[in-house]
Amino acid sequence: MNGSTQYRTKQREELLAYLRSRQGHHVTVNEISEFFQGNGTPIGVTTIYRHLERMVEDGSVNKYILDKNSGACFEYVDKQHSCVQPVCFHCKCEVCGKLIHLKCDELEHIQGHLMKQHGFALDPARTVFYGMCEACRRNAVARDVQ
């Protein structure tokens, strides 16, 4: 069996279909596992990791490691519309852990400024802004009002 057909299993194809359906979103291995468990087609966590790593190697999936305390996130990459083109950044809520995929013209201007004025090439796929998401802010305000 050659390398190009070796990993074309039903589980890999189901995993790829799931990732395509979540295009533009970051997912964790736990979220993927829960999805397949909920649909009655469980795929082992080890199998998910193995397939994801191979997809990262072949360029069909991006892997994000945001910090040493969080697990990796994965994102399906449409070859024509990857995270790098157009530029996107990431925001991570320090309360609930939610990861937000952010495309923002203002941040692109900052990226251009850093390059032009400071000679620094910012990597938007690895740039993470930490703070509090809208839902957590609303919950905090609601608790303060009570």
Foldseek 3Di string as FASTA:
>chain_A
DDPVCPPPDPVLVVLLVVLVVVAPAWAALVRSQVVCVVVVRGDDSVRVVVSQVVCVVVPQKDWADQDPVDGIIIHGADVVPGCVVVPWAWEAEPPPGGIHTGDDPVVVVVQVCCCVVPVDHDDRSRHYHYHHDPVVVVVVVVVVVD
